[in-house]
Amino acid sequence: MAYSDPADVANFYRYKLSINNRQVQSLYYSDDDLRDGNTVEQRLFFFGNDDDEDDELEAGDVVEVEMQSIDQGAYNYFFSLDQTLEQSAAAPANPVSNISGGALGYFSAHTVQIKSIVVP
């Protein structure tokens, strides 16, 4: 997917990838630290949802990408969640929350743009 990042503003994004109306269980997020004000080509890699599912797209599959413009607090949550999941530790830490009072999770009010394509 390609988009134009607004210049001189810190931007944070989350992407949700769905194949045939099934959301892919991967975390996709980015910021514009190295791409501020540029046209961005964001690649989302698909590895299947479970061990029994084929990782290859086939003709007729419907691919949908939801792009969310999120705030830094939500971005920090997804970044820290991803870091925690990659560690595979016996006692992983909780991801950074943008909710006060010790609550787990995150709050996000965001804009959304959705694009879809049918694999030829």
Protein backbone atom coordinates (compact mmCIF):
# COMPACT_ATOMS: atom_id res chain seq x y z
CA MET A 1 0.00 0.00 0.00
CA ALA A 2 1.20 3.52 -0.70
CA TYR A 3 0.29 6.81 0.95
CA SER A 4 1.60 10.36 1.40
CA ASP A 5 2.75 11.13 4.93
CA PRO A 6 1.96 14.70 6.07
CA ALA A 7 5.14 16.74 6.54
CA ASP A 8 6.35 18.28 9.81
CA VAL A 9 3.88 16.35 11.98
CA ALA A 10 4.66 13.25 14.04
CA ASN A 11 2.43 10.49 12.63
CA PHE A 12 1.77 6.97 13.91
CA TYR A 13 -0.06 4.23 12.05
CA ARG A 14 -1.58 0.82 12.65
CA TYR A 15 -2.59 -1.56 9.86
CA LYS A 16 -5.06 -4.44 10.03
CA LEU A 17 -4.74 -7.03 7.28
CA SER A 18 -7.61 -9.37 6.43
CA ILE A 19 -7.69 -12.22 3.92
CA ASN A 20 -11.17 -13.38 2.90
CA ASN A 21 -12.71 -11.57 5.91
CA ARG A 22 -10.31 -13.22 8.41
CA GLN A 23 -7.99 -10.82 10.20
CA VAL A 24 -4.35 -11.86 10.09
CA GLN A 25 -3.02 -12.28 13.64
CA SER A 26 0.09 -10.14 13.20
CA LEU A 27 0.90 -6.69 14.52
CA TYR A 28 1.49 -4.06 11.85
CA TYR A 29 2.38 -0.54 12.96
CA SER A 30 4.79 2.24 11.97
CA ASP A 31 5.79 5.81 12.61
CA ASP A 32 7.14 8.44 10.24
CA ASP A 33 10.55 9.05 11.86
CA LEU A 34 12.46 8.31 8.66
CA ARG A 35 9.65 9.04 6.20
CA ASP A 36 8.20 12.38 7.33
CA GLY A 37 6.54 14.15 4.41
CA ASN A 38 7.34 11.42 1.88
CA THR A 39 5.33 9.02 -0.20
CA VAL A 40 5.48 5.74 1.70
CA GLU A 41 5.20 2.23 0.32
CA GLN A 42 4.22 0.05 3.29
CA ARG A 43 4.54 -3.71 2.86
CA LEU A 44 2.52 -6.06 5.04
CA PHE A 45 3.79 -9.62 5.01
CA PHE A 46 1.27 -12.45 5.37
CA PHE A 47 2.23 -15.71 7.10
CA GLY A 48 -1.20 -17.30 7.64
CA ASN A 49 -3.39 -17.38 10.74
CA ASP A 50 -2.61 -20.88 12.01
CA ASP A 51 -0.55 -23.97 11.28
CA ASP A 52 -3.19 -25.52 9.03
CA GLU A 53 -3.62 -22.48 6.82
CA ASP A 54 -1.73 -22.08 3.57
CA ASP A 55 0.51 -19.00 3.53
CA GLU A 56 -0.04 -18.41 -0.18
CA LEU A 57 -2.65 -16.15 -1.68
CA GLU A 58 -4.75 -17.66 -4.44
CA ALA A 59 -6.73 -16.20 -7.33
CA GLY A 60 -10.05 -14.90 -6.04
CA ASP A 61 -8.81 -14.20 -2.49
CA VAL A 62 -9.96 -10.83 -1.15
CA VAL A 63 -7.22 -8.85 0.59
CA GLU A 64 -8.30 -5.90 2.75
CA VAL A 65 -6.05 -3.41 4.53
CA GLU A 66 -7.38 -1.06 7.19
CA MET A 67 -5.01 1.84 7.86
CA GLN A 68 -5.50 3.67 11.15
CA SER A 69 -3.90 6.98 12.06
CA ILE A 70 -3.28 6.53 15.79
CA ASP A 71 -1.74 8.69 18.52
CA GLN A 72 1.64 8.11 20.11
CA GLY A 73 0.13 6.43 23.19
CA ALA A 74 -1.57 3.75 21.08
CA TYR A 75 1.63 3.35 18.99
CA ASN A 76 3.67 2.84 22.18
CA TYR A 77 1.20 0.14 23.26
CA PHE A 78 1.55 -1.81 19.99
CA PHE A 79 5.34 -1.35 19.94
CA SER A 80 5.75 -2.62 23.51
CA LEU A 81 3.25 -5.46 22.92
CA ASP A 82 5.24 -6.56 19.88
CA GLN A 83 8.50 -6.44 21.85
CA THR A 84 6.92 -8.52 24.63
CA LEU A 85 5.57 -11.13 22.19
CA GLU A 86 8.95 -11.45 20.45
CA GLN A 87 10.72 -12.21 23.73
CA SER A 88 8.67 -15.38 24.37
CA ALA A 89 9.64 -15.06 28.01
CA ALA A 90 8.12 -17.21 30.73
CA ALA A 91 7.01 -14.07 32.58
CA PRO A 92 6.64 -11.33 29.97
CA ALA A 93 6.05 -7.73 31.00
CA ASN A 94 2.78 -5.99 30.36
CA PRO A 95 2.75 -3.64 27.37
CA VAL A 96 2.81 0.10 28.00
CA SER A 97 -0.75 1.37 28.45
CA ASN A 98 -2.10 4.83 27.65
CA ILE A 99 -4.85 4.35 30.25
CA SER A 100 -4.13 5.72 33.71
CA GLY A 101 -4.72 3.91 37.00
CA GLY A 102 -2.82 0.73 36.20
CA ALA A 103 -5.33 -0.60 33.66
CA LEU A 104 -4.17 -2.96 30.92
CA GLY A 105 -4.87 -2.26 27.27
CA TYR A 106 -5.06 0.94 25.27
CA PHE A 107 -7.56 3.58 24.21
CA SER A 108 -7.62 4.81 20.63
CA ALA A 109 -9.87 7.15 18.70
CA HIS A 110 -8.49 7.16 15.17
CA THR A 111 -9.22 7.84 11.54
CA VAL A 112 -9.57 4.85 9.24
CA GLN A 113 -9.08 4.22 5.56
CA ILE A 114 -9.85 0.81 4.05
CA LYS A 115 -8.70 -0.55 0.69
CA SER A 116 -9.35 -3.98 -0.76
CA ILE A 117 -8.35 -5.95 -3.82
CA VAL A 118 -9.24 -9.32 -5.31
CA VAL A 119 -6.17 -11.38 -6.19
CA PRO A 120 -6.18 -11.89 -9.99
